[in-house]
Amino acid sequence: MKKYLIPLLALGGAVVLQPAVAQDGETLFKSKPCAACHAIDSKLVGPAFKEVAAKYAGQEGAADTLAGHIKNGSQGVWGPIPMPPNPVTEEEAKILAEWVLSQK
């Protein structure tokens, strides 16, 4: 019984800790619906991430602003088509925002 219990507990612990593993922005981008409207270097429905990075370059608080737009959506920032809220946590929105801003 102990032979099976310890590996089972270890596996259970790994599964519980899985969401706590930090993700990089590109992996997160690919796992969310962002790619339906955005690309890194070309405009689709929304602006290219390189355009977003250029617009916010050097602006203080840009990552927080962009994270808010990612999580809560926005309208009128890049034209008449609204960006809907996205199914991300605050932490994921921040990771995505920082990654988008790093695209040059």
PDB file of N, CA and C in Angstrom:
ATOM      1  N   MET A   1       0.820  -1.196   0.000  1.00  0.00           N
ATOM      2  CA  MET A   1       0.000   0.000   0.000  1.00  0.00           C
ATOM      3  C   MET A   1       0.868   1.265   0.000  1.00  0.00           C
ATOM      4  N   LYS A   2       1.895   1.304   0.880  1.00  0.00           N
ATOM      5  CA  LYS A   2       2.772   2.467   0.940  1.00  0.00           C
ATOM      6  C   LYS A   2       3.498   2.673  -0.390  1.00  0.00           C
ATOM      7  N   LYS A   3       3.753   1.570  -1.063  1.00  0.00           N
ATOM      8  CA  LYS A   3       4.452   1.619  -2.338  1.00  0.00           C
ATOM      9  C   LYS A   3       3.673   2.469  -3.355  1.00  0.00           C
ATOM     10  N   TYR A   4       2.373   2.472  -3.271  1.00  0.00           N
ATOM     11  CA  TYR A   4       1.535   3.225  -4.193  1.00  0.00           C
ATOM     12  C   TYR A   4       1.108   4.577  -3.632  1.00  0.00           C
ATOM     13  N   LEU A   5       1.029   4.680  -2.328  1.00  0.00           N
ATOM     14  CA  LEU A   5       0.531   5.891  -1.686  1.00  0.00           C
ATOM     15  C   LEU A   5       1.479   7.078  -1.863  1.00  0.00           C
ATOM     16  N   ILE A   6       2.765   6.873  -1.665  1.00  0.00           N
ATOM     17  CA  ILE A   6       3.727   7.978  -1.752  1.00  0.00           C
ATOM     18  C   ILE A   6       3.798   8.550  -3.174  1.00  0.00           C
ATOM     19  N   PRO A   7       3.945   7.722  -4.212  1.00  0.00           N
ATOM     20  CA  PRO A   7       3.933   8.312  -5.569  1.00  0.00           C
ATOM     21  C   PRO A   7       2.603   8.987  -5.907  1.00  0.00           C
ATOM     22  N   LEU A   8       1.514   8.436  -5.413  1.00  0.00           N
ATOM     23  CA  LEU A   8       0.209   9.036  -5.665  1.00  0.00           C
ATOM     24  C   LEU A   8       0.107  10.406  -5.009  1.00  0.00           C
ATOM     25  N   LEU A   9       0.590  10.535  -3.783  1.00  0.00           N
ATOM     26  CA  LEU A   9       0.588  11.830  -3.098  1.00  0.00           C
ATOM     27  C   LEU A   9       1.502  12.832  -3.808  1.00  0.00           C
ATOM     28  N   ALA A  10       2.636  12.352  -4.262  1.00  0.00           N
ATOM     29  CA  ALA A  10       3.556  13.231  -4.994  1.00  0.00           C
ATOM     30  C   ALA A  10       2.915  13.732  -6.283  1.00  0.00           C
ATOM     31  N   LEU A  11       2.243  12.852  -6.991  1.00  0.00           N
ATOM     32  CA  LEU A  11       1.559  13.237  -8.222  1.00  0.00           C
ATOM     33  C   LEU A  11       0.444  14.233  -7.927  1.00  0.00           C
ATOM     34  N   GLY A  12      -0.303  13.985  -6.878  1.00  0.00           N
ATOM     35  CA  GLY A  12      -1.369  14.914  -6.486  1.00  0.00           C
ATOM     36  C   GLY A  12      -0.819  16.285  -6.154  1.00  0.00           C
ATOM     37  N   GLY A  13       0.308  16.327  -5.461  1.00  0.00           N
ATOM     38  CA  GLY A  13       0.943  17.603  -5.138  1.00  0.00           C
ATOM     39  C   GLY A  13       1.388  18.336  -6.391  1.00  0.00           C
ATOM     40  N   ALA A  14       1.912  17.604  -7.337  1.00  0.00           N
ATOM     41  CA  ALA A  14       2.352  18.219  -8.598  1.00  0.00           C
ATOM     42  C   ALA A  14       1.173  18.806  -9.359  1.00  0.00           C
ATOM     43  N   VAL A  15       0.057  18.111  -9.351  1.00  0.00           N
ATOM     44  CA  VAL A  15      -1.139  18.600 -10.038  1.00  0.00           C
ATOM     45  C   VAL A  15      -1.663  19.855  -9.363  1.00  0.00           C
ATOM     46  N   VAL A  16      -1.659  19.877  -8.049  1.00  0.00           N
ATOM     47  CA  VAL A  16      -2.131  21.052  -7.308  1.00  0.00           C
ATOM     48  C   VAL A  16      -1.233  22.250  -7.570  1.00  0.00           C
ATOM     49  N   LEU A  17       0.059  22.035  -7.669  1.00  0.00           N
ATOM     50  CA  LEU A  17       0.999  23.127  -7.886  1.00  0.00           C
ATOM     51  C   LEU A  17       1.095  23.577  -9.333  1.00  0.00           C
ATOM     52  N   GLN A  18       0.531  22.823 -10.237  1.00  0.00           N
ATOM     53  CA  GLN A  18       0.631  23.126 -11.670  1.00  0.00           C
ATOM     54  C   GLN A  18       0.254  24.569 -12.011  1.00  0.00           C
ATOM     55  N   PRO A  19      -0.886  25.111 -11.552  1.00  0.00           N
ATOM     56  CA  PRO A  19      -1.231  26.473 -11.917  1.00  0.00           C
ATOM     57  C   PRO A  19      -0.262  27.515 -11.374  1.00  0.00           C
ATOM     58  N   ALA A  20       0.488  27.170 -10.334  1.00  0.00           N
ATOM     59  CA  ALA A  20       1.406  28.128  -9.738  1.00  0.00           C
ATOM     60  C   ALA A  20       2.684  28.284 -10.554  1.00  0.00           C
ATOM     61  N   VAL A  21       2.919  27.407 -11.508  1.00  0.00           N
ATOM     62  CA  VAL A  21       4.117  27.484 -12.331  1.00  0.00           C
ATOM     63  C   VAL A  21       4.027  28.728 -13.216  1.00  0.00           C
ATOM     64  N   ALA A  22       5.064  29.538 -13.172  1.00  0.00           N
ATOM     65  CA  ALA A  22       5.065  30.765 -13.953  1.00  0.00           C
ATOM     66  C   ALA A  22       5.098  30.446 -15.446  1.00  0.00           C
ATOM     67  N   GLN A  23       4.345  31.213 -16.203  1.00  0.00           N
ATOM     68  CA  GLN A  23       4.321  31.037 -17.648  1.00  0.00           C
ATOM     69  C   GLN A  23       4.999  32.232 -18.296  1.00  0.00           C
ATOM     70  N   ASP A  24       5.589  31.993 -19.447  1.00  0.00           N
ATOM     71  CA  ASP A  24       6.132  33.112 -20.195  1.00  0.00           C
ATOM     72  C   ASP A  24       5.022  33.684 -21.073  1.00  0.00           C
ATOM     73  N   GLY A  25       5.191  34.905 -21.515  1.00  0.00           N
ATOM     74  CA  GLY A  25       4.162  35.592 -22.270  1.00  0.00           C
ATOM     75  C   GLY A  25       3.752  34.909 -23.556  1.00  0.00           C
ATOM     76  N   GLU A  26       4.717  34.386 -24.276  1.00  0.00           N
ATOM     77  CA  GLU A  26       4.392  33.748 -25.561  1.00  0.00           C
ATOM     78  C   GLU A  26       3.550  32.492 -25.352  1.00  0.00           C
ATOM     79  N   THR A  27       3.897  31.687 -24.369  1.00  0.00           N
ATOM     80  CA  THR A  27       3.122  30.481 -24.069  1.00  0.00           C
ATOM     81  C   THR A  27       1.718  30.857 -23.636  1.00  0.00           C
ATOM     82  N   LEU A  28       1.612  31.884 -22.823  1.00  0.00           N
ATOM     83  CA  LEU A  28       0.308  32.343 -22.361  1.00  0.00           C
ATOM     84  C   LEU A  28      -0.516  32.876 -23.528  1.00  0.00           C
ATOM     85  N   PHE A  29       0.117  33.651 -24.405  1.00  0.00           N
ATOM     86  CA  PHE A  29      -0.550  34.182 -25.599  1.00  0.00           C
ATOM     87  C   PHE A  29      -1.150  33.048 -26.425  1.00  0.00           C
ATOM     88  N   LYS A  30      -0.387  31.987 -26.605  1.00  0.00           N
ATOM     89  CA  LYS A  30      -0.844  30.862 -27.416  1.00  0.00           C
ATOM     90  C   LYS A  30      -1.954  30.062 -26.741  1.00  0.00           C
ATOM     91  N   SER A  31      -2.078  30.184 -25.419  1.00  0.00           N
ATOM     92  CA  SER A  31      -3.093  29.421 -24.697  1.00  0.00           C
ATOM     93  C   SER A  31      -4.395  30.199 -24.502  1.00  0.00           C
ATOM     94  N   LYS A  32      -4.415  31.448 -24.865  1.00  0.00           N
ATOM     95  CA  LYS A  32      -5.595  32.315 -24.700  1.00  0.00           C
ATOM     96  C   LYS A  32      -6.147  32.689 -26.076  1.00  0.00           C
ATOM     97  N   PRO A  33      -7.332  33.289 -26.113  1.00  0.00           N
ATOM     98  CA  PRO A  33      -7.933  33.629 -27.415  1.00  0.00           C
ATOM     99  C   PRO A  33      -7.343  34.868 -28.093  1.00  0.00           C
ATOM    100  N   CYS A  34      -6.245  35.386 -27.590  1.00  0.00           N
ATOM    101  CA  CYS A  34      -5.635  36.603 -28.146  1.00  0.00           C
ATOM    102  C   CYS A  34      -5.346  36.498 -29.650  1.00  0.00           C
ATOM    103  N   ALA A  35      -4.878  35.329 -30.065  1.00  0.00           N
ATOM    104  CA  ALA A  35      -4.452  35.145 -31.457  1.00  0.00           C
ATOM    105  C   ALA A  35      -5.604  35.233 -32.453  1.00  0.00           C
ATOM    106  N   ALA A  36      -6.830  35.185 -31.971  1.00  0.00           N
ATOM    107  CA  ALA A  36      -7.970  35.326 -32.873  1.00  0.00           C
ATOM    108  C   ALA A  36      -8.027  36.730 -33.476  1.00  0.00           C
ATOM    109  N   CYS A  37      -7.511  37.712 -32.744  1.00  0.00           N
ATOM    110  CA  CYS A  37      -7.582  39.102 -33.204  1.00  0.00           C
ATOM    111  C   CYS A  37      -6.230  39.785 -33.347  1.00  0.00           C
ATOM    112  N   HIS A  38      -5.182  39.208 -32.770  1.00  0.00           N
ATOM    113  CA  HIS A  38      -3.869  39.859 -32.771  1.00  0.00           C
ATOM    114  C   HIS A  38      -2.781  38.947 -33.316  1.00  0.00           C
ATOM    115  N   ALA A  39      -1.779  39.579 -33.921  1.00  0.00           N
ATOM    116  CA  ALA A  39      -0.555  38.901 -34.351  1.00  0.00           C
ATOM    117  C   ALA A  39       0.610  39.753 -33.865  1.00  0.00           C
ATOM    118  N   ILE A  40       1.778  39.189 -33.889  1.00  0.00           N
ATOM    119  CA  ILE A  40       2.939  39.920 -33.393  1.00  0.00           C
ATOM    120  C   ILE A  40       3.327  41.071 -34.319  1.00  0.00           C
ATOM    121  N   ASP A  41       3.364  40.824 -35.617  1.00  0.00           N
ATOM    122  CA  ASP A  41       3.861  41.869 -36.513  1.00  0.00           C
ATOM    123  C   ASP A  41       2.927  42.274 -37.643  1.00  0.00           C
ATOM    124  N   SER A  42       1.658  41.889 -37.562  1.00  0.00           N
ATOM    125  CA  SER A  42       0.707  42.345 -38.572  1.00  0.00           C
ATOM    126  C   SER A  42      -0.667  42.578 -37.949  1.00  0.00           C
ATOM    127  N   LYS A  43      -1.372  43.566 -38.478  1.00  0.00           N
ATOM    128  CA  LYS A  43      -2.703  43.892 -37.979  1.00  0.00           C
ATOM    129  C   LYS A  43      -3.693  42.836 -38.434  1.00  0.00           C
ATOM    130  N   LEU A  44      -4.514  42.372 -37.519  1.00  0.00           N
ATOM    131  CA  LEU A  44      -5.636  41.495 -37.860  1.00  0.00           C
ATOM    132  C   LEU A  44      -6.886  42.307 -37.547  1.00  0.00           C
ATOM    133  N   VAL A  45      -7.697  41.860 -36.621  1.00  0.00           N
ATOM    134  CA  VAL A  45      -8.831  42.662 -36.157  1.00  0.00           C
ATOM    135  C   VAL A  45      -8.309  43.789 -35.279  1.00  0.00           C
ATOM    136  N   GLY A  46      -7.374  43.430 -34.413  1.00  0.00           N
ATOM    137  CA  GLY A  46      -6.730  44.401 -33.535  1.00  0.00           C
ATOM    138  C   GLY A  46      -5.324  44.699 -34.025  1.00  0.00           C
ATOM    139  N   PRO A  47      -4.657  45.624 -33.363  1.00  0.00           N
ATOM    140  CA  PRO A  47      -3.320  46.019 -33.803  1.00  0.00           C
ATOM    141  C   PRO A  47      -2.285  44.917 -33.578  1.00  0.00           C
ATOM    142  N   ALA A  48      -1.204  44.988 -34.345  1.00  0.00           N
ATOM    143  CA  ALA A  48      -0.065  44.095 -34.137  1.00  0.00           C
ATOM    144  C   ALA A  48       0.575  44.444 -32.800  1.00  0.00           C
ATOM    145  N   PHE A  49       1.119  43.444 -32.132  1.00  0.00           N
ATOM    146  CA  PHE A  49       1.749  43.689 -30.838  1.00  0.00           C
ATOM    147  C   PHE A  49       2.939  44.633 -30.962  1.00  0.00           C
ATOM    148  N   LYS A  50       3.614  44.619 -32.105  1.00  0.00           N
ATOM    149  CA  LYS A  50       4.724  45.549 -32.309  1.00  0.00           C
ATOM    150  C   LYS A  50       4.218  46.990 -32.344  1.00  0.00           C
ATOM    151  N   GLU A  51       3.022  47.211 -32.905  1.00  0.00           N
ATOM    152  CA  GLU A  51       2.417  48.545 -32.911  1.00  0.00           C
ATOM    153  C   GLU A  51       2.066  48.983 -31.495  1.00  0.00           C
ATOM    154  N   VAL A  52       1.530  48.048 -30.724  1.00  0.00           N
ATOM    155  CA  VAL A  52       1.163  48.353 -29.337  1.00  0.00           C
ATOM    156  C   VAL A  52       2.417  48.727 -28.546  1.00  0.00           C
ATOM    157  N   ALA A  53       3.484  47.935 -28.712  1.00  0.00           N
ATOM    158  CA  ALA A  53       4.733  48.207 -28.009  1.00  0.00           C
ATOM    159  C   ALA A  53       5.284  49.583 -28.385  1.00  0.00           C
ATOM    160  N   ALA A  54       5.193  49.932 -29.663  1.00  0.00           N
ATOM    161  CA  ALA A  54       5.688  51.235 -30.116  1.00  0.00           C
ATOM    162  C   ALA A  54       4.851  52.379 -29.537  1.00  0.00           C
ATOM    163  N   LYS A  55       3.544  52.194 -29.477  1.00  0.00           N
ATOM    164  CA  LYS A  55       2.664  53.242 -28.959  1.00  0.00           C
ATOM    165  C   LYS A  55       2.929  53.525 -27.483  1.00  0.00           C
ATOM    166  N   TYR A  56       3.188  52.482 -26.718  1.00  0.00           N
ATOM    167  CA  TYR A  56       3.366  52.635 -25.278  1.00  0.00           C
ATOM    168  C   TYR A  56       4.826  52.745 -24.854  1.00  0.00           C
ATOM    169  N   ALA A  57       5.760  52.722 -25.794  1.00  0.00           N
ATOM    170  CA  ALA A  57       7.194  52.762 -25.467  1.00  0.00           C
ATOM    171  C   ALA A  57       7.524  53.973 -24.598  1.00  0.00           C
ATOM    172  N   GLY A  58       8.191  53.704 -23.500  1.00  0.00           N
ATOM    173  CA  GLY A  58       8.641  54.777 -22.615  1.00  0.00           C
ATOM    174  C   GLY A  58       7.579  55.386 -21.719  1.00  0.00           C
ATOM    175  N   GLN A  59       6.341  54.933 -21.813  1.00  0.00           N
ATOM    176  CA  GLN A  59       5.278  55.490 -20.975  1.00  0.00           C
ATOM    177  C   GLN A  59       5.265  54.806 -19.616  1.00  0.00           C
ATOM    178  N   GLU A  60       5.290  55.604 -18.581  1.00  0.00           N
ATOM    179  CA  GLU A  60       5.224  55.061 -17.233  1.00  0.00           C
ATOM    180  C   GLU A  60       3.834  54.457 -16.991  1.00  0.00           C
ATOM    181  N   GLY A  61       3.796  53.286 -16.413  1.00  0.00           N
ATOM    182  CA  GLY A  61       2.536  52.622 -16.125  1.00  0.00           C
ATOM    183  C   GLY A  61       1.912  51.927 -17.324  1.00  0.00           C
ATOM    184  N   ALA A  62       2.646  51.826 -18.417  1.00  0.00           N
ATOM    185  CA  ALA A  62       2.098  51.222 -19.634  1.00  0.00           C
ATOM    186  C   ALA A  62       1.679  49.770 -19.408  1.00  0.00           C
ATOM    187  N   ALA A  63       2.477  49.005 -18.674  1.00  0.00           N
ATOM    188  CA  ALA A  63       2.148  47.596 -18.441  1.00  0.00           C
ATOM    189  C   ALA A  63       0.843  47.464 -17.651  1.00  0.00           C
ATOM    190  N   ASP A  64       0.645  48.331 -16.666  1.00  0.00           N
ATOM    191  CA  ASP A  64      -0.594  48.282 -15.883  1.00  0.00           C
ATOM    192  C   ASP A  64      -1.798  48.681 -16.736  1.00  0.00           C
ATOM    193  N   THR A  65      -1.630  49.708 -17.552  1.00  0.00           N
ATOM    194  CA  THR A  65      -2.716  50.147 -18.444  1.00  0.00           C
ATOM    195  C   THR A  65      -3.097  49.038 -19.409  1.00  0.00           C
ATOM    196  N   LEU A  66      -2.086  48.468 -20.032  1.00  0.00           N
ATOM    197  CA  LEU A  66      -2.329  47.410 -21.003  1.00  0.00           C
ATOM    198  C   LEU A  66      -2.920  46.169 -20.345  1.00  0.00           C
ATOM    199  N   ALA A  67      -2.448  45.824 -19.161  1.00  0.00           N
ATOM    200  CA  ALA A  67      -3.005  44.674 -18.426  1.00  0.00           C
ATOM    201  C   ALA A  67      -4.491  44.894 -18.145  1.00  0.00           C
ATOM    202  N   GLY A  68      -4.856  46.127 -17.814  1.00  0.00           N
ATOM    203  CA  GLY A  68      -6.273  46.456 -17.598  1.00  0.00           C
ATOM    204  C   GLY A  68      -7.091  46.287 -18.861  1.00  0.00           C
ATOM    205  N   HIS A  69      -6.534  46.697 -19.993  1.00  0.00           N
ATOM    206  CA  HIS A  69      -7.235  46.536 -21.272  1.00  0.00           C
ATOM    207  C   HIS A  69      -7.388  45.055 -21.612  1.00  0.00           C
ATOM    208  N   ILE A  70      -6.360  44.271 -21.338  1.00  0.00           N
ATOM    209  CA  ILE A  70      -6.417  42.839 -21.637  1.00  0.00           C
ATOM    210  C   ILE A  70      -7.490  42.170 -20.790  1.00  0.00           C
ATOM    211  N   LYS A  71      -7.495  42.445 -19.506  1.00  0.00           N
ATOM    212  CA  LYS A  71      -8.428  41.780 -18.595  1.00  0.00           C
ATOM    213  C   LYS A  71      -9.857  42.300 -18.745  1.00  0.00           C
ATOM    214  N   ASN A  72     -10.024  43.607 -18.828  1.00  0.00           N
ATOM    215  CA  ASN A  72     -11.357  44.217 -18.794  1.00  0.00           C
ATOM    216  C   ASN A  72     -11.908  44.627 -20.148  1.00  0.00           C
ATOM    217  N   GLY A  73     -11.064  44.573 -21.174  1.00  0.00           N
ATOM    218  CA  GLY A  73     -11.491  45.030 -22.489  1.00  0.00           C
ATOM    219  C   GLY A  73     -11.293  46.533 -22.621  1.00  0.00           C
ATOM    220  N   SER A  74     -11.486  47.046 -23.819  1.00  0.00           N
ATOM    221  CA  SER A  74     -11.366  48.485 -24.057  1.00  0.00           C
ATOM    222  C   SER A  74     -12.128  48.838 -25.322  1.00  0.00           C
ATOM    223  N   GLN A  75     -12.350  50.131 -25.488  1.00  0.00           N
ATOM    224  CA  GLN A  75     -13.039  50.593 -26.685  1.00  0.00           C
ATOM    225  C   GLN A  75     -12.496  51.955 -27.060  1.00  0.00           C
ATOM    226  N   GLY A  76     -12.259  52.152 -28.348  1.00  0.00           N
ATOM    227  CA  GLY A  76     -11.810  53.438 -28.846  1.00  0.00           C
ATOM    228  C   GLY A  76     -10.315  53.685 -28.746  1.00  0.00           C
ATOM    229  N   VAL A  77      -9.562  52.752 -28.219  1.00  0.00           N
ATOM    230  CA  VAL A  77      -8.122  52.942 -28.086  1.00  0.00           C
ATOM    231  C   VAL A  77      -7.427  52.784 -29.436  1.00  0.00           C
ATOM    232  N   TRP A  78      -7.892  51.825 -30.242  1.00  0.00           N
ATOM    233  CA  TRP A  78      -7.287  51.541 -31.547  1.00  0.00           C
ATOM    234  C   TRP A  78      -8.316  51.641 -32.669  1.00  0.00           C
ATOM    235  N   GLY A  79      -9.383  52.363 -32.450  1.00  0.00           N
ATOM    236  CA  GLY A  79     -10.417  52.492 -33.470  1.00  0.00           C
ATOM    237  C   GLY A  79     -11.765  52.063 -32.925  1.00  0.00           C
ATOM    238  N   PRO A  80     -12.732  51.928 -33.813  1.00  0.00           N
ATOM    239  CA  PRO A  80     -14.107  51.679 -33.369  1.00  0.00           C
ATOM    240  C   PRO A  80     -14.398  50.251 -32.900  1.00  0.00           C
ATOM    241  N   ILE A  81     -13.570  49.293 -33.247  1.00  0.00           N
ATOM    242  CA  ILE A  81     -13.850  47.910 -32.862  1.00  0.00           C
ATOM    243  C   ILE A  81     -13.410  47.701 -31.411  1.00  0.00           C
ATOM    244  N   PRO A  82     -14.341  47.337 -30.527  1.00  0.00           N
ATOM    245  CA  PRO A  82     -13.974  47.147 -29.120  1.00  0.00           C
ATOM    246  C   PRO A  82     -13.187  45.850 -28.911  1.00  0.00           C
ATOM    247  N   MET A  83     -12.360  45.873 -27.886  1.00  0.00           N
ATOM    248  CA  MET A  83     -11.664  44.661 -27.466  1.00  0.00           C
ATOM    249  C   MET A  83     -12.441  44.110 -26.281  1.00  0.00           C
ATOM    250  N   PRO A  84     -12.929  42.882 -26.395  1.00  0.00           N
ATOM    251  CA  PRO A  84     -13.720  42.326 -25.288  1.00  0.00           C
ATOM    252  C   PRO A  84     -12.826  41.944 -24.110  1.00  0.00           C
ATOM    253  N   PRO A  85     -13.414  41.831 -22.930  1.00  0.00           N
ATOM    254  CA  PRO A  85     -12.654  41.336 -21.774  1.00  0.00           C
ATOM    255  C   PRO A  85     -12.152  39.927 -22.067  1.00  0.00           C
ATOM    256  N   ASN A  86     -11.015  39.578 -21.507  1.00  0.00           N
ATOM    257  CA  ASN A  86     -10.428  38.267 -21.747  1.00  0.00           C
ATOM    258  C   ASN A  86     -10.419  37.423 -20.478  1.00  0.00           C
ATOM    259  N   PRO A  87     -10.527  36.119 -20.643  1.00  0.00           N
ATOM    260  CA  PRO A  87     -10.548  35.210 -19.492  1.00  0.00           C
ATOM    261  C   PRO A  87      -9.141  34.988 -18.932  1.00  0.00           C
ATOM    262  N   VAL A  88      -8.616  36.014 -18.272  1.00  0.00           N
ATOM    263  CA  VAL A  88      -7.282  35.943 -17.682  1.00  0.00           C
ATOM    264  C   VAL A  88      -7.337  36.441 -16.243  1.00  0.00           C
ATOM    265  N   THR A  89      -6.385  35.996 -15.457  1.00  0.00           N
ATOM    266  CA  THR A  89      -6.248  36.512 -14.103  1.00  0.00           C
ATOM    267  C   THR A  89      -5.469  37.822 -14.159  1.00  0.00           C
ATOM    268  N   GLU A  90      -5.415  38.522 -13.044  1.00  0.00           N
ATOM    269  CA  GLU A  90      -4.620  39.757 -12.974  1.00  0.00           C
ATOM    270  C   GLU A  90      -3.159  39.458 -13.312  1.00  0.00           C
ATOM    271  N   GLU A  91      -2.645  38.374 -12.753  1.00  0.00           N
ATOM    272  CA  GLU A  91      -1.253  37.990 -12.989  1.00  0.00           C
ATOM    273  C   GLU A  91      -1.015  37.657 -14.460  1.00  0.00           C
ATOM    274  N   GLU A  92      -1.922  36.914 -15.070  1.00  0.00           N
ATOM    275  CA  GLU A  92      -1.777  36.574 -16.486  1.00  0.00           C
ATOM    276  C   GLU A  92      -1.837  37.819 -17.357  1.00  0.00           C
ATOM    277  N   ALA A  93      -2.741  38.747 -17.024  1.00  0.00           N
ATOM    278  CA  ALA A  93      -2.842  39.992 -17.790  1.00  0.00           C
ATOM    279  C   ALA A  93      -1.543  40.773 -17.712  1.00  0.00           C
ATOM    280  N   LYS A  94      -0.936  40.801 -16.546  1.00  0.00           N
ATOM    281  CA  LYS A  94       0.331  41.518 -16.368  1.00  0.00           C
ATOM    282  C   LYS A  94       1.456  40.853 -17.174  1.00  0.00           C
ATOM    283  N   ILE A  95       1.509  39.524 -17.140  1.00  0.00           N
ATOM    284  CA  ILE A  95       2.523  38.789 -17.908  1.00  0.00           C
ATOM    285  C   ILE A  95       2.341  39.064 -19.396  1.00  0.00           C
ATOM    286  N   LEU A  96       1.092  38.991 -19.867  1.00  0.00           N
ATOM    287  CA  LEU A  96       0.814  39.257 -21.281  1.00  0.00           C
ATOM    288  C   LEU A  96       1.183  40.689 -21.659  1.00  0.00           C
ATOM    289  N   ALA A  97       0.823  41.647 -20.804  1.00  0.00           N
ATOM    290  CA  ALA A  97       1.117  43.051 -21.094  1.00  0.00           C
ATOM    291  C   ALA A  97       2.615  43.283 -21.200  1.00  0.00           C
ATOM    292  N   GLU A  98       3.368  42.746 -20.276  1.00  0.00           N
ATOM    293  CA  GLU A  98       4.820  42.927 -20.314  1.00  0.00           C
ATOM    294  C   GLU A  98       5.421  42.258 -21.545  1.00  0.00           C
ATOM    295  N   TRP A  99       4.883  41.099 -21.913  1.00  0.00           N
ATOM    296  CA  TRP A  99       5.362  40.421 -23.119  1.00  0.00           C
ATOM    297  C   TRP A  99       5.041  41.226 -24.370  1.00  0.00           C
ATOM    298  N   VAL A 100       3.816  41.736 -24.466  1.00  0.00           N
ATOM    299  CA  VAL A 100       3.439  42.547 -25.630  1.00  0.00           C
ATOM    300  C   VAL A 100       4.358  43.768 -25.731  1.00  0.00           C
ATOM    301  N   LEU A 101       4.607  44.407 -24.611  1.00  0.00           N
ATOM    302  CA  LEU A 101       5.451  45.602 -24.624  1.00  0.00           C
ATOM    303  C   LEU A 101       6.902  45.292 -24.987  1.00  0.00           C
ATOM    304  N   SER A 102       7.300  44.050 -24.864  1.00  0.00           N
ATOM    305  CA  SER A 102       8.674  43.672 -25.220  1.00  0.00           C
ATOM    306  C   SER A 102       8.839  43.384 -26.715  1.00  0.00           C
ATOM    307  N   GLN A 103       7.743  43.367 -27.461  1.00  0.00           N
ATOM    308  CA  GLN A 103       7.809  43.106 -28.903  1.00  0.00           C
ATOM    309  C   GLN A 103       8.258  44.364 -29.618  1.00  0.00           C
ATOM    310  N   LYS A 104       9.370  44.271 -30.303  1.00  0.00           N
ATOM    311  CA  LYS A 104       9.894  45.474 -30.989  1.00  0.00           C
ATOM    312  C   LYS A 104      10.265  45.188 -32.407  1.00  0.00           C
TER     313      LYS A 104
END
